């Protein structure tokens, strides 16, 4: 934790209660706390969320 900076990925790896837990630590994108790979996992485009929301609403009807 002490080795993380504004330029290192803060994606957790493993269980925080188990020895060996760590953060990714790869270089981050300019505007993200995560590297490119983990940013893609963390942030879902709005269009995908909207489509999922519409599908859910259609099922309820």
PDB file of N, CA and C in Angstrom:
ATOM      1  N   UNK A   1       0.829  -1.194   0.000  1.00  0.00           N
ATOM      2  CA  UNK A   1       0.000   0.000   0.000  1.00  0.00           C
ATOM      3  C   UNK A   1       0.870   1.254   0.000  1.00  0.00           C
ATOM      4  N   UNK A   2       1.950   1.200   0.681  1.00  0.00           N
ATOM      5  CA  UNK A   2       2.840   2.365   0.764  1.00  0.00           C
ATOM      6  C   UNK A   2       3.551   2.623  -0.562  1.00  0.00           C
ATOM      7  N   UNK A   3       3.614   1.625  -1.446  1.00  0.00           N
ATOM      8  CA  UNK A   3       4.310   1.769  -2.724  1.00  0.00           C
ATOM      9  C   UNK A   3       3.409   2.334  -3.821  1.00  0.00           C
ATOM     10  N   UNK A   4       2.101   2.449  -3.568  1.00  0.00           N
ATOM     11  CA  UNK A   4       1.188   2.967  -4.580  1.00  0.00           C
ATOM     12  C   UNK A   4       1.353   4.476  -4.723  1.00  0.00           C
ATOM     13  N   UNK A   5       1.257   4.943  -5.961  1.00  0.00           N
ATOM     14  CA  UNK A   5       1.319   6.381  -6.232  1.00  0.00           C
ATOM     15  C   UNK A   5       0.135   6.743  -7.123  1.00  0.00           C
ATOM     16  N   UNK A   6       0.081   7.990  -7.559  1.00  0.00           N
ATOM     17  CA  UNK A   6      -0.969   8.423  -8.484  1.00  0.00           C
ATOM     18  C   UNK A   6      -0.813   7.760  -9.848  1.00  0.00           C
ATOM     19  N   UNK A   7       0.331   7.184 -10.104  1.00  0.00           N
ATOM     20  CA  UNK A   7       0.630   6.588 -11.406  1.00  0.00           C
ATOM     21  C   UNK A   7       0.607   5.057 -11.390  1.00  0.00           C
ATOM     22  N   UNK A   8       0.199   4.438 -10.266  1.00  0.00           N
ATOM     23  CA  UNK A   8       0.147   2.976 -10.208  1.00  0.00           C
ATOM     24  C   UNK A   8      -1.287   2.493 -10.029  1.00  0.00           C
ATOM     25  N   UNK A   9      -1.605   1.398 -10.706  1.00  0.00           N
ATOM     26  CA  UNK A   9      -2.952   0.832 -10.683  1.00  0.00           C
ATOM     27  C   UNK A   9      -3.300   0.339  -9.281  1.00  0.00           C
ATOM     28  N   UNK A  10      -4.476   0.714  -8.822  1.00  0.00           N
ATOM     29  CA  UNK A  10      -4.920   0.349  -7.476  1.00  0.00           C
ATOM     30  C   UNK A  10      -5.963  -0.761  -7.481  1.00  0.00           C
ATOM     31  N   UNK A  11      -5.963  -1.589  -8.539  1.00  0.00           N
ATOM     32  CA  UNK A  11      -6.904  -2.707  -8.618  1.00  0.00           C
ATOM     33  C   UNK A  11      -6.459  -3.787  -7.627  1.00  0.00           C
ATOM     34  N   UNK A  12      -7.327  -4.184  -6.683  1.00  0.00           N
ATOM     35  CA  UNK A  12      -6.941  -5.188  -5.689  1.00  0.00           C
ATOM     36  C   UNK A  12      -6.797  -6.574  -6.319  1.00  0.00           C
ATOM     37  N   UNK A  13      -5.829  -7.314  -5.843  1.00  0.00           N
ATOM     38  CA  UNK A  13      -5.556  -8.660  -6.318  1.00  0.00           C
ATOM     39  C   UNK A  13      -5.672  -9.626  -5.135  1.00  0.00           C
ATOM     40  N   UNK A  14      -6.715 -10.446  -5.128  1.00  0.00           N
ATOM     41  CA  UNK A  14      -6.887 -11.428  -4.067  1.00  0.00           C
ATOM     42  C   UNK A  14      -7.738 -10.923  -2.918  1.00  0.00           C
ATOM     43  N   UNK A  15      -7.716 -11.671  -1.841  1.00  0.00           N
ATOM     44  CA  UNK A  15      -8.504 -11.396  -0.640  1.00  0.00           C
ATOM     45  C   UNK A  15      -7.667 -10.574   0.338  1.00  0.00           C
ATOM     46  N   UNK A  16      -8.157  -9.405   0.759  1.00  0.00           N
ATOM     47  CA  UNK A  16      -7.375  -8.564   1.677  1.00  0.00           C
ATOM     48  C   UNK A  16      -7.068  -9.232   3.015  1.00  0.00           C
ATOM     49  N   UNK A  17      -7.808 -10.259   3.359  1.00  0.00           N
ATOM     50  CA  UNK A  17      -7.584 -10.929   4.640  1.00  0.00           C
ATOM     51  C   UNK A  17      -6.600 -12.096   4.536  1.00  0.00           C
ATOM     52  N   UNK A  18      -6.089 -12.339   3.333  1.00  0.00           N
ATOM     53  CA  UNK A  18      -5.180 -13.465   3.116  1.00  0.00           C
ATOM     54  C   UNK A  18      -3.794 -12.938   2.744  1.00  0.00           C
ATOM     55  N   UNK A  19      -2.770 -13.582   3.271  1.00  0.00           N
ATOM     56  CA  UNK A  19      -1.403 -13.190   2.938  1.00  0.00           C
ATOM     57  C   UNK A  19      -1.188 -13.290   1.430  1.00  0.00           C
ATOM     58  N   UNK A  20      -0.469 -12.352   0.888  1.00  0.00           N
ATOM     59  CA  UNK A  20      -0.229 -12.321  -0.545  1.00  0.00           C
ATOM     60  C   UNK A  20      -1.122 -11.331  -1.267  1.00  0.00           C
ATOM     61  N   UNK A  21      -2.082 -10.752  -0.554  1.00  0.00           N
ATOM     62  CA  UNK A  21      -2.940  -9.724  -1.154  1.00  0.00           C
ATOM     63  C   UNK A  21      -2.061  -8.566  -1.606  1.00  0.00           C
ATOM     64  N   UNK A  22      -2.375  -8.021  -2.789  1.00  0.00           N
ATOM     65  CA  UNK A  22      -1.626  -6.872  -3.306  1.00  0.00           C
ATOM     66  C   UNK A  22      -2.474  -6.114  -4.318  1.00  0.00           C
ATOM     67  N   UNK A  23      -1.939  -5.033  -4.808  1.00  0.00           N
ATOM     68  CA  UNK A  23      -2.595  -4.249  -5.846  1.00  0.00           C
ATOM     69  C   UNK A  23      -1.836  -4.458  -7.143  1.00  0.00           C
ATOM     70  N   UNK A  24      -2.513  -4.246  -8.268  1.00  0.00           N
ATOM     71  CA  UNK A  24      -1.925  -4.477  -9.583  1.00  0.00           C
ATOM     72  C   UNK A  24      -0.570  -3.785  -9.716  1.00  0.00           C
ATOM     73  N   UNK A  25      -0.534  -2.466  -9.549  1.00  0.00           N
ATOM     74  CA  UNK A  25       0.734  -1.741  -9.586  1.00  0.00           C
ATOM     75  C   UNK A  25       1.230  -1.355 -10.971  1.00  0.00           C
ATOM     76  N   UNK A  26       0.549  -1.764 -12.051  1.00  0.00           N
ATOM     77  CA  UNK A  26       0.954  -1.345 -13.395  1.00  0.00           C
ATOM     78  C   UNK A  26       0.731   0.152 -13.566  1.00  0.00           C
ATOM     79  N   UNK A  27       1.294   0.728 -14.615  1.00  0.00           N
ATOM     80  CA  UNK A  27       1.098   2.155 -14.900  1.00  0.00           C
ATOM     81  C   UNK A  27      -0.367   2.434 -15.198  1.00  0.00           C
ATOM     82  N   UNK A  28      -0.846   3.593 -14.748  1.00  0.00           N
ATOM     83  CA  UNK A  28      -2.251   3.955 -14.947  1.00  0.00           C
ATOM     84  C   UNK A  28      -2.437   4.830 -16.173  1.00  0.00           C
ATOM     85  N   UNK A  29      -3.698   4.881 -16.620  1.00  0.00           N
ATOM     86  CA  UNK A  29      -4.083   5.834 -17.652  1.00  0.00           C
ATOM     87  C   UNK A  29      -4.107   7.215 -16.997  1.00  0.00           C
ATOM     88  N   UNK A  30      -4.088   8.247 -17.785  1.00  0.00           N
ATOM     89  CA  UNK A  30      -4.030   9.617 -17.264  1.00  0.00           C
ATOM     90  C   UNK A  30      -5.150   9.949 -16.276  1.00  0.00           C
ATOM     91  N   UNK A  31      -6.371   9.519 -16.557  1.00  0.00           N
ATOM     92  CA  UNK A  31      -7.521   9.956 -15.762  1.00  0.00           C
ATOM     93  C   UNK A  31      -8.143   8.845 -14.931  1.00  0.00           C
ATOM     94  N   UNK A  32      -7.403   7.797 -14.637  1.00  0.00           N
ATOM     95  CA  UNK A  32      -7.978   6.652 -13.944  1.00  0.00           C
ATOM     96  C   UNK A  32      -7.056   6.166 -12.831  1.00  0.00           C
ATOM     97  N   UNK A  33      -7.645   5.593 -11.789  1.00  0.00           N
ATOM     98  CA  UNK A  33      -6.814   4.980 -10.748  1.00  0.00           C
ATOM     99  C   UNK A  33      -6.353   3.576 -11.152  1.00  0.00           C
ATOM    100  N   UNK A  34      -6.769   3.138 -12.358  1.00  0.00           N
ATOM    101  CA  UNK A  34      -6.468   1.784 -12.821  1.00  0.00           C
ATOM    102  C   UNK A  34      -5.677   1.794 -14.121  1.00  0.00           C
ATOM    103  N   UNK A  35      -4.982   0.697 -14.396  1.00  0.00           N
ATOM    104  CA  UNK A  35      -4.306   0.526 -15.676  1.00  0.00           C
ATOM    105  C   UNK A  35      -5.371   0.344 -16.766  1.00  0.00           C
ATOM    106  N   UNK A  36      -4.953   0.319 -18.015  1.00  0.00           N
ATOM    107  CA  UNK A  36      -5.923   0.205 -19.113  1.00  0.00           C
ATOM    108  C   UNK A  36      -6.777  -1.049 -18.992  1.00  0.00           C
ATOM    109  N   UNK A  37      -6.155  -2.166 -18.690  1.00  0.00           N
ATOM    110  CA  UNK A  37      -6.913  -3.427 -18.582  1.00  0.00           C
ATOM    111  C   UNK A  37      -7.979  -3.347 -17.487  1.00  0.00           C
ATOM    112  N   UNK A  38      -7.594  -2.909 -16.300  1.00  0.00           N
ATOM    113  CA  UNK A  38      -8.543  -2.862 -15.192  1.00  0.00           C
ATOM    114  C   UNK A  38      -9.581  -1.756 -15.366  1.00  0.00           C
ATOM    115  N   UNK A  39      -9.231  -0.684 -16.082  1.00  0.00           N
ATOM    116  CA  UNK A  39     -10.217   0.350 -16.394  1.00  0.00           C
ATOM    117  C   UNK A  39     -11.344  -0.232 -17.237  1.00  0.00           C
ATOM    118  N   UNK A  40     -10.993  -1.096 -18.191  1.00  0.00           N
ATOM    119  CA  UNK A  40     -12.026  -1.723 -19.022  1.00  0.00           C
ATOM    120  C   UNK A  40     -12.934  -2.615 -18.191  1.00  0.00           C
ATOM    121  N   UNK A  41     -12.399  -3.234 -17.170  1.00  0.00           N
ATOM    122  CA  UNK A  41     -13.217  -4.072 -16.292  1.00  0.00           C
ATOM    123  C   UNK A  41     -14.098  -3.223 -15.373  1.00  0.00           C
ATOM    124  N   UNK A  42     -13.572  -2.093 -14.929  1.00  0.00           N
ATOM    125  CA  UNK A  42     -14.271  -1.282 -13.932  1.00  0.00           C
ATOM    126  C   UNK A  42     -15.356  -0.392 -14.512  1.00  0.00           C
ATOM    127  N   UNK A  43     -15.146   0.122 -15.710  1.00  0.00           N
ATOM    128  CA  UNK A  43     -16.062   1.106 -16.268  1.00  0.00           C
ATOM    129  C   UNK A  43     -16.805   0.537 -17.461  1.00  0.00           C
ATOM    130  N   UNK A  44     -18.127   0.509 -17.357  1.00  0.00           N
ATOM    131  CA  UNK A  44     -18.975   0.001 -18.427  1.00  0.00           C
ATOM    132  C   UNK A  44     -19.548   1.182 -19.201  1.00  0.00           C
ATOM    133  N   UNK A  45     -19.450   1.158 -20.535  1.00  0.00           N
ATOM    134  CA  UNK A  45     -20.012   2.280 -21.307  1.00  0.00           C
ATOM    135  C   UNK A  45     -21.502   2.466 -21.039  1.00  0.00           C
ATOM    136  N   UNK A  46     -21.948   3.708 -21.072  1.00  0.00           N
ATOM    137  CA  UNK A  46     -23.348   4.032 -20.785  1.00  0.00           C
ATOM    138  C   UNK A  46     -24.302   3.316 -21.729  1.00  0.00           C
ATOM    139  N   UNK A  47     -23.930   3.141 -22.984  1.00  0.00           N
ATOM    140  CA  UNK A  47     -24.831   2.488 -23.945  1.00  0.00           C
ATOM    141  C   UNK A  47     -25.133   1.053 -23.528  1.00  0.00           C
ATOM    142  N   UNK A  48     -24.169   0.356 -22.981  1.00  0.00           N
ATOM    143  CA  UNK A  48     -24.389  -1.013 -22.516  1.00  0.00           C
ATOM    144  C   UNK A  48     -25.335  -1.007 -21.324  1.00  0.00           C
ATOM    145  N   UNK A  49     -25.145  -0.069 -20.391  1.00  0.00           N
ATOM    146  CA  UNK A  49     -26.035   0.032 -19.235  1.00  0.00           C
ATOM    147  C   UNK A  49     -27.454   0.349 -19.675  1.00  0.00           C
ATOM    148  N   UNK A  50     -27.594   1.248 -20.645  1.00  0.00           N
ATOM    149  CA  UNK A  50     -28.927   1.625 -21.118  1.00  0.00           C
ATOM    150  C   UNK A  50     -29.627   0.438 -21.761  1.00  0.00           C
ATOM    151  N   UNK A  51     -28.911  -0.334 -22.583  1.00  0.00           N
ATOM    152  CA  UNK A  51     -29.521  -1.508 -23.216  1.00  0.00           C
ATOM    153  C   UNK A  51     -29.957  -2.527 -22.178  1.00  0.00           C
ATOM    154  N   UNK A  52     -29.142  -2.751 -21.176  1.00  0.00           N
ATOM    155  CA  UNK A  52     -29.487  -3.703 -20.118  1.00  0.00           C
ATOM    156  C   UNK A  52     -30.712  -3.226 -19.347  1.00  0.00           C
ATOM    157  N   UNK A  53     -30.778  -1.931 -19.109  1.00  0.00           N
ATOM    158  CA  UNK A  53     -31.921  -1.365 -18.402  1.00  0.00           C
ATOM    159  C   UNK A  53     -33.206  -1.524 -19.216  1.00  0.00           C
ATOM    160  N   UNK A  54     -33.120  -1.302 -20.521  1.00  0.00           N
ATOM    161  CA  UNK A  54     -34.292  -1.464 -21.385  1.00  0.00           C
ATOM    162  C   UNK A  54     -34.763  -2.915 -21.413  1.00  0.00           C
ATOM    163  N   UNK A  55     -33.826  -3.843 -21.480  1.00  0.00           N
ATOM    164  CA  UNK A  55     -34.187  -5.267 -21.473  1.00  0.00           C
ATOM    165  C   UNK A  55     -34.889  -5.648 -20.173  1.00  0.00           C
ATOM    166  N   UNK A  56     -34.401  -5.138 -19.062  1.00  0.00           N
ATOM    167  CA  UNK A  56     -35.028  -5.424 -17.775  1.00  0.00           C
ATOM    168  C   UNK A  56     -36.438  -4.867 -17.720  1.00  0.00           C
ATOM    169  N   UNK A  57     -36.618  -3.659 -18.223  1.00  0.00           N
ATOM    170  CA  UNK A  57     -37.941  -3.024 -18.220  1.00  0.00           C
ATOM    171  C   UNK A  57     -38.919  -3.799 -19.099  1.00  0.00           C
ATOM    172  N   UNK A  58     -38.449  -4.340 -20.221  1.00  0.00           N
ATOM    173  CA  UNK A  58     -39.295  -5.113 -21.108  1.00  0.00           C
ATOM    174  C   UNK A  58     -39.740  -6.414 -20.456  1.00  0.00           C
ATOM    175  N   UNK A  59     -38.884  -7.027 -19.676  1.00  0.00           N
ATOM    176  CA  UNK A  59     -39.219  -8.284 -18.986  1.00  0.00           C
ATOM    177  C   UNK A  59     -40.290  -8.068 -17.930  1.00  0.00           C
ATOM    178  N   UNK A  60     -40.273  -6.900 -17.304  1.00  0.00           N
ATOM    179  CA  UNK A  60     -41.206  -6.601 -16.221  1.00  0.00           C
ATOM    180  C   UNK A  60     -42.627  -6.428 -16.761  1.00  0.00           C
ATOM    181  N   UNK A  61     -42.750  -5.908 -17.972  1.00  0.00           N
ATOM    182  CA  UNK A  61     -44.079  -5.656 -18.554  1.00  0.00           C
ATOM    183  C   UNK A  61     -44.824  -6.893 -18.769  1.00  0.00           C
TER     184      UNK A  61
END
